[in-house]
Amino acid sequence: MKNDTHEWRLEDWREYRDQHQMTTDVSVTLRDGRSVSSSSEAWRLECEARTILKRRDRKEYLEKVRQKRGVDAAVELRNEMLAIKAQQ
């Protein structure tokens, strides 16, 4: 489930949601205007990126993502953060 960097894997979130009988997926709108499920990877990525942008330890967080999920995941997350920041 949650680890020391407070990140959720999509599969863990779905399991948690199902175990706690939470409301099923709803439609949400991404920053680029696309409508997706609230349990989609795209929504999880955007939410994680927005959360990290509020943190002071952004570089350390991205490094932990790189170590745990790999370079591609860290780059994808960083790119999402930059896209969000560019829209602000």
Protein backbone atom coordinates (compact mmCIF):
# COMPACT_ATOMS: atom_id res chain seq x y z
CA MET A 1 0.00 0.00 0.00
CA LYS A 2 1.60 3.26 1.07
CA ASN A 3 5.35 3.36 1.41
CA ASP A 4 7.78 5.79 2.96
CA THR A 5 7.36 8.29 0.11
CA HIS A 6 3.57 8.29 0.56
CA GLU A 7 2.85 7.21 -2.98
CA TRP A 8 0.11 4.87 -4.07
CA ARG A 9 0.40 2.36 -6.85
CA LEU A 10 -2.79 2.24 -8.91
CA GLU A 11 -3.39 -1.41 -8.03
CA ASP A 12 -3.05 -0.65 -4.30
CA TRP A 13 -5.51 2.23 -4.55
CA ARG A 14 -8.07 0.04 -6.30
CA GLU A 15 -7.65 -2.68 -3.66
CA TYR A 16 -8.04 -0.16 -0.84
CA ARG A 17 -11.09 1.37 -2.50
CA ASP A 18 -12.72 -2.04 -2.94
CA GLN A 19 -11.93 -3.19 0.61
CA HIS A 20 -13.45 -0.07 2.08
CA GLN A 21 -16.45 -0.09 -0.23
CA MET A 22 -15.67 3.37 -1.49
CA THR A 23 -17.60 5.00 -4.29
CA THR A 24 -16.78 3.61 -7.68
CA ASP A 25 -14.92 5.56 -10.31
CA VAL A 26 -16.08 8.99 -11.32
CA SER A 27 -15.17 11.03 -14.34
CA VAL A 28 -12.52 13.70 -13.78
CA THR A 29 -10.97 16.26 -16.10
CA LEU A 30 -7.22 16.35 -16.58
CA ARG A 31 -5.24 19.57 -16.99
CA ASP A 32 -5.25 19.04 -20.77
CA GLY A 33 -9.04 18.80 -20.89
CA ARG A 34 -9.33 15.04 -21.30
CA SER A 35 -12.02 13.29 -19.28
CA VAL A 36 -10.81 10.10 -17.57
CA SER A 37 -11.74 7.75 -14.74
CA SER A 38 -10.68 8.80 -11.25
CA SER A 39 -8.89 5.46 -10.95
CA SER A 40 -6.88 5.94 -14.15
CA GLU A 41 -3.11 6.11 -14.23
CA ALA A 42 -3.31 9.53 -15.91
CA TRP A 43 -5.29 10.96 -12.98
CA ARG A 44 -3.00 9.34 -10.41
CA LEU A 45 0.03 10.81 -12.18
CA GLU A 46 -1.45 14.30 -12.31
CA CYS A 47 -2.48 14.20 -8.65
CA GLU A 48 0.94 12.97 -7.59
CA ALA A 49 2.65 15.68 -9.65
CA ARG A 50 0.45 18.42 -8.15
CA THR A 51 1.19 17.13 -4.67
CA ILE A 52 4.94 17.03 -5.22
CA LEU A 53 4.93 20.60 -6.54
CA LYS A 54 3.76 21.69 -3.07
CA ARG A 55 6.64 19.91 -1.33
CA ARG A 56 10.03 21.34 -0.49
CA ASP A 57 11.80 18.02 -1.02
CA ARG A 58 10.85 17.64 -4.70
CA LYS A 59 14.29 16.54 -5.85
CA GLU A 60 14.59 13.94 -3.10
CA TYR A 61 11.10 12.65 -3.85
CA LEU A 62 11.89 12.28 -7.56
CA GLU A 63 15.10 10.45 -6.68
CA LYS A 64 13.15 7.98 -4.55
CA VAL A 65 10.71 7.47 -7.43
CA ARG A 66 13.68 6.80 -9.74
CA GLN A 67 15.10 4.25 -7.29
CA LYS A 68 11.81 2.46 -6.66
CA ARG A 69 9.97 2.74 -9.99
CA GLY A 70 12.78 3.40 -12.44
CA VAL A 71 14.11 6.22 -14.58
CA ASP A 72 11.14 6.26 -16.97
CA ALA A 73 8.66 6.76 -14.13
CA ALA A 74 10.72 9.59 -12.63
CA VAL A 75 11.03 11.32 -16.01
CA GLU A 76 7.30 10.96 -16.67
CA LEU A 77 6.48 12.42 -13.26
CA ARG A 78 8.96 15.29 -13.71
CA ASN A 79 7.51 16.08 -17.15
CA GLU A 80 4.00 16.17 -15.69
CA MET A 81 5.20 18.53 -12.97
CA LEU A 82 6.76 20.82 -15.58
CA ALA A 83 3.58 20.81 -17.68
CA ILE A 84 1.46 21.72 -14.66
CA LYS A 85 3.86 24.47 -13.66
CA ALA A 86 3.84 25.87 -17.22
CA GLN A 87 0.05 26.26 -17.04
CA GLN A 88 0.13 28.20 -13.77
